[in-house]
Amino acid sequence: MDYTQILIKPLITEKGSFLKEGQNQVAFYVHKDANKVQIKSAVEEAFGVQVRAVNVVVKKPLKKIFSRGRKRLFGSVSGYKKAYVTLAPGSKLDFIEGV
């Protein structure tokens, strides 16, 4: 897989900004079939930084019941996979600066 298929989009949240400042970590939504080695090489190739570690979190899809008055609607919430990438000391990603 190419790095454009592995890295879907960066995850920009308040927790992510605290991790970036404190522990030099960045979060990404990644492809569901990508493993840690592929994620590490994709980040290094895309941004030209050194990666020390990759932690992966998988959220499984959920089945939900929505109520509208007396009607019950059945649906689902899609799952996702995200990766917390720890950068090596001295490495920095600038695409999130100023957001």
C-alpha atoms as a PDB file:
ATOM      1  CA  MET A   1       0.000   0.000   0.000  1.00  0.00           C
ATOM      2  CA  ASP A   2       1.096   3.540  -0.712  1.00  0.00           C
ATOM      3  CA  TYR A   3       1.359   6.030   2.155  1.00  0.00           C
ATOM      4  CA  THR A   4      -1.545   8.013   0.708  1.00  0.00           C
ATOM      5  CA  GLN A   5      -3.766   4.973   1.227  1.00  0.00           C
ATOM      6  CA  ILE A   6      -2.479   4.224   4.742  1.00  0.00           C
ATOM      7  CA  LEU A   7      -2.764   7.711   6.288  1.00  0.00           C
ATOM      8  CA  ILE A   8      -6.372   8.845   5.924  1.00  0.00           C
ATOM      9  CA  LYS A   9      -6.270  12.138   7.836  1.00  0.00           C
ATOM     10  CA  PRO A  10      -4.714  13.683  10.934  1.00  0.00           C
ATOM     11  CA  LEU A  11      -6.741  13.632  14.124  1.00  0.00           C
ATOM     12  CA  ILE A  12      -6.796  17.185  15.476  1.00  0.00           C
ATOM     13  CA  THR A  13      -8.345  17.297  18.950  1.00  0.00           C
ATOM     14  CA  GLU A  14      -7.598  18.884  22.289  1.00  0.00           C
ATOM     15  CA  LYS A  15      -6.048  15.647  23.528  1.00  0.00           C
ATOM     16  CA  GLY A  16      -3.930  15.488  20.385  1.00  0.00           C
ATOM     17  CA  SER A  17      -2.589  18.990  20.917  1.00  0.00           C
ATOM     18  CA  PHE A  18      -1.619  18.154  24.510  1.00  0.00           C
ATOM     19  CA  LEU A  19       0.151  14.990  23.325  1.00  0.00           C
ATOM     20  CA  LYS A  20       1.967  16.936  20.623  1.00  0.00           C
ATOM     21  CA  GLU A  21       3.271  19.524  23.061  1.00  0.00           C
ATOM     22  CA  GLY A  22       4.061  17.202  25.959  1.00  0.00           C
ATOM     23  CA  GLN A  23       5.112  13.860  24.499  1.00  0.00           C
ATOM     24  CA  ASN A  24       5.891  14.728  20.852  1.00  0.00           C
ATOM     25  CA  GLN A  25       3.075  12.478  19.553  1.00  0.00           C
ATOM     26  CA  VAL A  26       0.717  12.951  16.614  1.00  0.00           C
ATOM     27  CA  ALA A  27      -2.538  11.090  15.921  1.00  0.00           C
ATOM     28  CA  PHE A  28      -3.832   9.885  12.545  1.00  0.00           C
ATOM     29  CA  TYR A  29      -6.836   7.988  11.261  1.00  0.00           C
ATOM     30  CA  VAL A  30      -5.319   5.074   9.342  1.00  0.00           C
ATOM     31  CA  HIS A  31      -6.476   2.320   6.993  1.00  0.00           C
ATOM     32  CA  LYS A  32      -8.080  -0.592   8.824  1.00  0.00           C
ATOM     33  CA  ASP A  33      -5.656  -3.157   7.360  1.00  0.00           C
ATOM     34  CA  ALA A  34      -2.443  -1.205   8.030  1.00  0.00           C
ATOM     35  CA  ASN A  35      -0.025  -2.520  10.655  1.00  0.00           C
ATOM     36  CA  LYS A  36       2.489  -0.637  12.813  1.00  0.00           C
ATOM     37  CA  VAL A  37       5.415  -1.137  10.444  1.00  0.00           C
ATOM     38  CA  GLN A  38       3.434   0.196   7.477  1.00  0.00           C
ATOM     39  CA  ILE A  39       2.202   3.183   9.492  1.00  0.00           C
ATOM     40  CA  LYS A  40       5.743   3.998  10.624  1.00  0.00           C
ATOM     41  CA  SER A  41       7.138   3.881   7.090  1.00  0.00           C
ATOM     42  CA  ALA A  42       4.184   5.909   5.740  1.00  0.00           C
ATOM     43  CA  VAL A  43       4.712   8.739   8.249  1.00  0.00           C
ATOM     44  CA  GLU A  44       8.473   8.762   7.639  1.00  0.00           C
ATOM     45  CA  GLU A  45       7.975   8.844   3.860  1.00  0.00           C
ATOM     46  CA  ALA A  46       5.191  11.434   3.855  1.00  0.00           C
ATOM     47  CA  PHE A  47       6.669  13.958   6.286  1.00  0.00           C
ATOM     48  CA  GLY A  48      10.400  13.199   6.341  1.00  0.00           C
ATOM     49  CA  VAL A  49      10.642  12.679  10.124  1.00  0.00           C
ATOM     50  CA  GLN A  50      12.025   9.923  12.346  1.00  0.00           C
ATOM     51  CA  VAL A  51       9.420   7.823  14.181  1.00  0.00           C
ATOM     52  CA  ARG A  52      10.276   6.201  17.507  1.00  0.00           C
ATOM     53  CA  ALA A  53       7.049   4.259  18.248  1.00  0.00           C
ATOM     54  CA  VAL A  54       3.533   3.627  16.938  1.00  0.00           C
ATOM     55  CA  ASN A  55       0.524   2.777  19.124  1.00  0.00           C
ATOM     56  CA  VAL A  56      -2.704   1.635  17.448  1.00  0.00           C
ATOM     57  CA  VAL A  57      -6.299   1.893  18.721  1.00  0.00           C
ATOM     58  CA  VAL A  58      -9.133   0.013  16.994  1.00  0.00           C
ATOM     59  CA  LYS A  59     -12.754   1.047  17.532  1.00  0.00           C
ATOM     60  CA  LYS A  60     -15.118  -1.678  16.374  1.00  0.00           C
ATOM     61  CA  PRO A  61     -18.391  -0.847  14.621  1.00  0.00           C
ATOM     62  CA  LEU A  62     -21.469  -0.707  16.854  1.00  0.00           C
ATOM     63  CA  LYS A  63     -25.094  -1.550  16.212  1.00  0.00           C
ATOM     64  CA  LYS A  64     -27.439   1.139  17.511  1.00  0.00           C
ATOM     65  CA  ILE A  65     -31.176   1.497  18.064  1.00  0.00           C
ATOM     66  CA  PHE A  66     -32.585   4.956  17.417  1.00  0.00           C
ATOM     67  CA  SER A  67     -36.037   5.870  18.732  1.00  0.00           C
ATOM     68  CA  ARG A  68     -38.419   8.250  17.021  1.00  0.00           C
ATOM     69  CA  GLY A  69     -41.612   8.310  18.995  1.00  0.00           C
ATOM     70  CA  ARG A  70     -42.965   4.783  18.846  1.00  0.00           C
ATOM     71  CA  LYS A  71     -40.787   3.758  15.934  1.00  0.00           C
ATOM     72  CA  ARG A  72     -37.487   2.003  16.418  1.00  0.00           C
ATOM     73  CA  LEU A  73     -34.853   2.463  13.768  1.00  0.00           C
ATOM     74  CA  PHE A  74     -31.881   0.144  13.589  1.00  0.00           C
ATOM     75  CA  GLY A  75     -28.561   1.360  12.333  1.00  0.00           C
ATOM     76  CA  SER A  76     -24.861   1.184  12.880  1.00  0.00           C
ATOM     77  CA  VAL A  77     -21.950   3.436  13.734  1.00  0.00           C
ATOM     78  CA  SER A  78     -18.882   2.739  11.666  1.00  0.00           C
ATOM     79  CA  GLY A  79     -15.620   1.719  13.269  1.00  0.00           C
ATOM     80  CA  TYR A  80     -12.185   3.211  12.730  1.00  0.00           C
ATOM     81  CA  LYS A  81      -8.516   2.681  13.427  1.00  0.00           C
ATOM     82  CA  LYS A  82      -6.247   5.416  14.689  1.00  0.00           C
ATOM     83  CA  ALA A  83      -2.536   5.536  15.350  1.00  0.00           C
ATOM     84  CA  TYR A  84      -0.611   7.572  17.897  1.00  0.00           C
ATOM     85  CA  VAL A  85       2.841   8.146  16.398  1.00  0.00           C
ATOM     86  CA  THR A  86       5.688   9.111  18.747  1.00  0.00           C
ATOM     87  CA  LEU A  87       8.319  11.162  16.962  1.00  0.00           C
ATOM     88  CA  ALA A  88      12.029  10.956  17.713  1.00  0.00           C
ATOM     89  CA  PRO A  89      13.579  13.839  19.674  1.00  0.00           C
ATOM     90  CA  GLY A  90      14.294  16.724  17.331  1.00  0.00           C
ATOM     91  CA  SER A  91      11.632  15.656  14.797  1.00  0.00           C
ATOM     92  CA  LYS A  92       8.662  17.936  14.315  1.00  0.00           C
ATOM     93  CA  LEU A  93       5.557  18.040  12.106  1.00  0.00           C
ATOM     94  CA  ASP A  94       4.629  21.538  10.966  1.00  0.00           C
ATOM     95  CA  PHE A  95       1.337  20.860   9.196  1.00  0.00           C
ATOM     96  CA  ILE A  96      -0.606  21.146  12.460  1.00  0.00           C
ATOM     97  CA  GLU A  97       1.021  24.412  13.605  1.00  0.00           C
ATOM     98  CA  GLY A  98      -1.394  27.335  13.788  1.00  0.00           C
ATOM     99  CA  VAL A  99      -4.553  25.201  13.774  1.00  0.00           C
END
